[in-house]
Amino acid sequence: MAAATQKIEWTKKATKSIADIADYITEKGFPETSKKYADRLYTFGESFLPFPDKYPLC
């Protein structure tokens, strides 16, 4: 229940890094893979919600 009210705080550096890598993958001709990559990293980051005291920032 508490996890629903909490939120991962993504740093600008983290979101920029994910976007830069996704852009690189797209430039190499794999736009679908690029979207999947970014989605999986964000999903992975959100999976830390059960541990808010240990991993508050991504």
PDB file of N, CA and C in Angstrom:
ATOM      1  N   MET A   1       0.825  -1.187   0.000  1.00  0.00           N
ATOM      2  CA  MET A   1       0.000   0.000   0.000  1.00  0.00           C
ATOM      3  C   MET A   1       0.873   1.257   0.000  1.00  0.00           C
ATOM      4  N   ALA A   2       1.953   1.260   0.767  1.00  0.00           N
ATOM      5  CA  ALA A   2       2.814   2.438   0.833  1.00  0.00           C
ATOM      6  C   ALA A   2       3.525   2.695  -0.489  1.00  0.00           C
ATOM      7  N   ALA A   3       3.803   1.647  -1.246  1.00  0.00           N
ATOM      8  CA  ALA A   3       4.513   1.812  -2.511  1.00  0.00           C
ATOM      9  C   ALA A   3       3.704   2.631  -3.513  1.00  0.00           C
ATOM     10  N   ALA A   4       2.405   2.624  -3.385  1.00  0.00           N
ATOM     11  CA  ALA A   4       1.567   3.368  -4.323  1.00  0.00           C
ATOM     12  C   ALA A   4       1.732   4.881  -4.158  1.00  0.00           C
ATOM     13  N   THR A   5       2.090   5.325  -2.960  1.00  0.00           N
ATOM     14  CA  THR A   5       2.235   6.765  -2.726  1.00  0.00           C
ATOM     15  C   THR A   5       3.662   7.241  -2.940  1.00  0.00           C
ATOM     16  N   GLN A   6       4.599   6.327  -3.069  1.00  0.00           N
ATOM     17  CA  GLN A   6       5.990   6.700  -3.260  1.00  0.00           C
ATOM     18  C   GLN A   6       6.331   6.733  -4.741  1.00  0.00           C
ATOM     19  N   LYS A   7       7.424   7.425  -5.054  1.00  0.00           N
ATOM     20  CA  LYS A   7       7.805   7.601  -6.448  1.00  0.00           C
ATOM     21  C   LYS A   7       9.331   7.606  -6.560  1.00  0.00           C
ATOM     22  N   ILE A   8       9.836   7.020  -7.615  1.00  0.00           N
ATOM     23  CA  ILE A   8      11.268   7.068  -7.893  1.00  0.00           C
ATOM     24  C   ILE A   8      11.591   8.462  -8.415  1.00  0.00           C
ATOM     25  N   GLU A   9      12.650   9.050  -7.915  1.00  0.00           N
ATOM     26  CA  GLU A   9      13.089  10.362  -8.380  1.00  0.00           C
ATOM     27  C   GLU A   9      14.241  10.163  -9.372  1.00  0.00           C
ATOM     28  N   TRP A  10      13.940  10.296 -10.651  1.00  0.00           N
ATOM     29  CA  TRP A  10      14.954  10.122 -11.688  1.00  0.00           C
ATOM     30  C   TRP A  10      15.778  11.401 -11.792  1.00  0.00           C
ATOM     31  N   THR A  11      17.093  11.246 -11.738  1.00  0.00           N
ATOM     32  CA  THR A  11      17.968  12.406 -11.901  1.00  0.00           C
ATOM     33  C   THR A  11      18.024  12.787 -13.377  1.00  0.00           C
ATOM     34  N   LYS A  12      18.386  14.031 -13.634  1.00  0.00           N
ATOM     35  CA  LYS A  12      18.520  14.482 -15.023  1.00  0.00           C
ATOM     36  C   LYS A  12      19.588  13.674 -15.745  1.00  0.00           C
ATOM     37  N   LYS A  13      20.662  13.354 -15.037  1.00  0.00           N
ATOM     38  CA  LYS A  13      21.756  12.586 -15.638  1.00  0.00           C
ATOM     39  C   LYS A  13      21.278  11.191 -16.051  1.00  0.00           C
ATOM     40  N   ALA A  14      20.474  10.553 -15.206  1.00  0.00           N
ATOM     41  CA  ALA A  14      19.982   9.212 -15.519  1.00  0.00           C
ATOM     42  C   ALA A  14      19.074   9.231 -16.742  1.00  0.00           C
ATOM     43  N   THR A  15      18.127  10.161 -16.773  1.00  0.00           N
ATOM     44  CA  THR A  15      17.216  10.215 -17.921  1.00  0.00           C
ATOM     45  C   THR A  15      17.951  10.603 -19.196  1.00  0.00           C
ATOM     46  N   LYS A  16      18.936  11.482 -19.086  1.00  0.00           N
ATOM     47  CA  LYS A  16      19.720  11.862 -20.267  1.00  0.00           C
ATOM     48  C   LYS A  16      20.543  10.681 -20.774  1.00  0.00           C
ATOM     49  N   SER A  17      21.123   9.927 -19.861  1.00  0.00           N
ATOM     50  CA  SER A  17      21.917   8.763 -20.263  1.00  0.00           C
ATOM     51  C   SER A  17      21.057   7.732 -20.980  1.00  0.00           C
ATOM     52  N   ILE A  18      19.885   7.463 -20.433  1.00  0.00           N
ATOM     53  CA  ILE A  18      18.982   6.506 -21.077  1.00  0.00           C
ATOM     54  C   ILE A  18      18.576   7.016 -22.455  1.00  0.00           C
ATOM     55  N   ALA A  19      18.245   8.286 -22.550  1.00  0.00           N
ATOM     56  CA  ALA A  19      17.850   8.870 -23.835  1.00  0.00           C
ATOM     57  C   ALA A  19      18.996   8.836 -24.841  1.00  0.00           C
ATOM     58  N   ASP A  20      20.213   9.145 -24.389  1.00  0.00           N
ATOM     59  CA  ASP A  20      21.367   9.130 -25.296  1.00  0.00           C
ATOM     60  C   ASP A  20      21.631   7.733 -25.853  1.00  0.00           C
ATOM     61  N   ILE A  21      21.557   6.730 -24.993  1.00  0.00           N
ATOM     62  CA  ILE A  21      21.790   5.362 -25.452  1.00  0.00           C
ATOM     63  C   ILE A  21      20.663   4.925 -26.387  1.00  0.00           C
ATOM     64  N   ALA A  22      19.428   5.280 -26.045  1.00  0.00           N
ATOM     65  CA  ALA A  22      18.291   4.941 -26.903  1.00  0.00           C
ATOM     66  C   ALA A  22      18.431   5.620 -28.273  1.00  0.00           C
ATOM     67  N   ASP A  23      18.884   6.857 -28.280  1.00  0.00           N
ATOM     68  CA  ASP A  23      19.109   7.556 -29.552  1.00  0.00           C
ATOM     69  C   ASP A  23      20.176   6.862 -30.379  1.00  0.00           C
ATOM     70  N   TYR A  24      21.232   6.413 -29.742  1.00  0.00           N
ATOM     71  CA  TYR A  24      22.303   5.696 -30.436  1.00  0.00           C
ATOM     72  C   TYR A  24      21.761   4.415 -31.073  1.00  0.00           C
ATOM     73  N   ILE A  25      20.958   3.672 -30.319  1.00  0.00           N
ATOM     74  CA  ILE A  25      20.379   2.434 -30.844  1.00  0.00           C
ATOM     75  C   ILE A  25      19.481   2.744 -32.037  1.00  0.00           C
ATOM     76  N   THR A  26      18.706   3.823 -31.952  1.00  0.00           N
ATOM     77  CA  THR A  26      17.842   4.234 -33.054  1.00  0.00           C
ATOM     78  C   THR A  26      18.668   4.591 -34.281  1.00  0.00           C
ATOM     79  N   GLU A  27      19.759   5.326 -34.080  1.00  0.00           N
ATOM     80  CA  GLU A  27      20.629   5.714 -35.201  1.00  0.00           C
ATOM     81  C   GLU A  27      21.222   4.509 -35.905  1.00  0.00           C
ATOM     82  N   LYS A  28      21.428   3.427 -35.167  1.00  0.00           N
ATOM     83  CA  LYS A  28      21.980   2.212 -35.767  1.00  0.00           C
ATOM     84  C   LYS A  28      20.925   1.411 -36.523  1.00  0.00           C
ATOM     85  N   GLY A  29      19.669   1.909 -36.500  1.00  0.00           N
ATOM     86  CA  GLY A  29      18.629   1.275 -37.297  1.00  0.00           C
ATOM     87  C   GLY A  29      17.699   0.348 -36.541  1.00  0.00           C
ATOM     88  N   PHE A  30      17.627   0.495 -35.233  1.00  0.00           N
ATOM     89  CA  PHE A  30      16.779  -0.388 -34.436  1.00  0.00           C
ATOM     90  C   PHE A  30      15.849   0.414 -33.518  1.00  0.00           C
ATOM     91  N   PRO A  31      14.905   1.158 -34.083  1.00  0.00           N
ATOM     92  CA  PRO A  31      14.038   1.999 -33.243  1.00  0.00           C
ATOM     93  C   PRO A  31      13.155   1.210 -32.270  1.00  0.00           C
ATOM     94  N   GLU A  32      12.699   0.022 -32.673  1.00  0.00           N
ATOM     95  CA  GLU A  32      11.871  -0.778 -31.774  1.00  0.00           C
ATOM     96  C   GLU A  32      12.690  -1.253 -30.572  1.00  0.00           C
ATOM     97  N   THR A  33      13.923  -1.656 -30.841  1.00  0.00           N
ATOM     98  CA  THR A  33      14.811  -2.100 -29.768  1.00  0.00           C
ATOM     99  C   THR A  33      15.128  -0.940 -28.837  1.00  0.00           C
ATOM    100  N   SER A  34      15.282   0.226 -29.389  1.00  0.00           N
ATOM    101  CA  SER A  34      15.569   1.420 -28.608  1.00  0.00           C
ATOM    102  C   SER A  34      14.455   1.696 -27.602  1.00  0.00           C
ATOM    103  N   LYS A  35      13.214   1.627 -28.061  1.00  0.00           N
ATOM    104  CA  LYS A  35      12.067   1.870 -27.165  1.00  0.00           C
ATOM    105  C   LYS A  35      11.994   0.800 -26.089  1.00  0.00           C
ATOM    106  N   LYS A  36      12.204  -0.457 -26.484  1.00  0.00           N
ATOM    107  CA  LYS A  36      12.166  -1.548 -25.499  1.00  0.00           C
ATOM    108  C   LYS A  36      13.258  -1.368 -24.447  1.00  0.00           C
ATOM    109  N   TYR A  37      14.437  -0.958 -24.895  1.00  0.00           N
ATOM    110  CA  TYR A  37      15.563  -0.749 -23.976  1.00  0.00           C
ATOM    111  C   TYR A  37      15.206   0.311 -22.929  1.00  0.00           C
ATOM    112  N   ALA A  38      14.718   1.447 -23.385  1.00  0.00           N
ATOM    113  CA  ALA A  38      14.378   2.530 -22.469  1.00  0.00           C
ATOM    114  C   ALA A  38      13.261   2.098 -21.516  1.00  0.00           C
ATOM    115  N   ASP A  39      12.242   1.451 -22.042  1.00  0.00           N
ATOM    116  CA  ASP A  39      11.129   1.000 -21.198  1.00  0.00           C
ATOM    117  C   ASP A  39      11.610   0.016 -20.130  1.00  0.00           C
ATOM    118  N   ARG A  40      12.492  -0.888 -20.513  1.00  0.00           N
ATOM    119  CA  ARG A  40      12.988  -1.877 -19.553  1.00  0.00           C
ATOM    120  C   ARG A  40      13.830  -1.224 -18.464  1.00  0.00           C
ATOM    121  N   LEU A  41      14.622  -0.230 -18.799  1.00  0.00           N
ATOM    122  CA  LEU A  41      15.419   0.448 -17.771  1.00  0.00           C
ATOM    123  C   LEU A  41      14.535   1.227 -16.797  1.00  0.00           C
ATOM    124  N   TYR A  42      13.526   1.895 -17.331  1.00  0.00           N
ATOM    125  CA  TYR A  42      12.611   2.606 -16.441  1.00  0.00           C
ATOM    126  C   TYR A  42      11.823   1.634 -15.562  1.00  0.00           C
ATOM    127  N   THR A  43      11.411   0.506 -16.124  1.00  0.00           N
ATOM    128  CA  THR A  43      10.717  -0.515 -15.338  1.00  0.00           C
ATOM    129  C   THR A  43      11.630  -1.061 -14.246  1.00  0.00           C
ATOM    130  N   PHE A  44      12.892  -1.286 -14.604  1.00  0.00           N
ATOM    131  CA  PHE A  44      13.867  -1.756 -13.621  1.00  0.00           C
ATOM    132  C   PHE A  44      14.019  -0.746 -12.483  1.00  0.00           C
ATOM    133  N   GLY A  45      14.139   0.518 -12.817  1.00  0.00           N
ATOM    134  CA  GLY A  45      14.272   1.551 -11.793  1.00  0.00           C
ATOM    135  C   GLY A  45      13.060   1.615 -10.884  1.00  0.00           C
ATOM    136  N   GLU A  46      11.877   1.485 -11.472  1.00  0.00           N
ATOM    137  CA  GLU A  46      10.651   1.519 -10.680  1.00  0.00           C
ATOM    138  C   GLU A  46      10.538   0.296  -9.769  1.00  0.00           C
ATOM    139  N   SER A  47      11.229  -0.791 -10.113  1.00  0.00           N
ATOM    140  CA  SER A  47      11.160  -1.997  -9.285  1.00  0.00           C
ATOM    141  C   SER A  47      11.830  -1.808  -7.922  1.00  0.00           C
ATOM    142  N   PHE A  48      12.546  -0.702  -7.732  1.00  0.00           N
ATOM    143  CA  PHE A  48      13.179  -0.436  -6.444  1.00  0.00           C
ATOM    144  C   PHE A  48      12.228   0.187  -5.427  1.00  0.00           C
ATOM    145  N   LEU A  49      10.983   0.431  -5.802  1.00  0.00           N
ATOM    146  CA  LEU A  49      10.028   1.043  -4.875  1.00  0.00           C
ATOM    147  C   LEU A  49       9.867   0.273  -3.561  1.00  0.00           C
ATOM    148  N   PRO A  50       9.940  -1.055  -3.553  1.00  0.00           N
ATOM    149  CA  PRO A  50       9.828  -1.744  -2.259  1.00  0.00           C
ATOM    150  C   PRO A  50      10.993  -1.440  -1.303  1.00  0.00           C
ATOM    151  N   PHE A  51      12.053  -0.804  -1.783  1.00  0.00           N
ATOM    152  CA  PHE A  51      13.222  -0.499  -0.969  1.00  0.00           C
ATOM    153  C   PHE A  51      13.490   1.003  -0.937  1.00  0.00           C
ATOM    154  N   PRO A  52      12.529   1.831  -0.559  1.00  0.00           N
ATOM    155  CA  PRO A  52      12.706   3.285  -0.676  1.00  0.00           C
ATOM    156  C   PRO A  52      13.830   3.855   0.181  1.00  0.00           C
ATOM    157  N   ASP A  53      14.135   3.228   1.297  1.00  0.00           N
ATOM    158  CA  ASP A  53      15.182   3.755   2.155  1.00  0.00           C
ATOM    159  C   ASP A  53      16.573   3.437   1.627  1.00  0.00           C
ATOM    160  N   LYS A  54      16.672   2.416   0.792  1.00  0.00           N
ATOM    161  CA  LYS A  54      17.967   2.013   0.261  1.00  0.00           C
ATOM    162  C   LYS A  54      18.279   2.648  -1.086  1.00  0.00           C
ATOM    163  N   TYR A  55      17.271   2.810  -1.934  1.00  0.00           N
ATOM    164  CA  TYR A  55      17.491   3.281  -3.296  1.00  0.00           C
ATOM    165  C   TYR A  55      16.512   4.388  -3.664  1.00  0.00           C
ATOM    166  N   PRO A  56      16.591   5.564  -3.045  1.00  0.00           N
ATOM    167  CA  PRO A  56      15.599   6.595  -3.346  1.00  0.00           C
ATOM    168  C   PRO A  56      15.808   7.299  -4.683  1.00  0.00           C
ATOM    169  N   LEU A  57      17.013   7.296  -5.206  1.00  0.00           N
ATOM    170  CA  LEU A  57      17.306   7.982  -6.471  1.00  0.00           C
ATOM    171  C   LEU A  57      17.829   7.015  -7.508  1.00  0.00           C
ATOM    172  N   CYS A  58      17.497   7.280  -8.754  1.00  0.00           N
ATOM    173  CA  CYS A  58      18.062   6.513  -9.871  1.00  0.00           C
ATOM    174  C   CYS A  58      18.781   7.460 -10.784  1.00  0.00           C
TER     175      CYS A  58
END
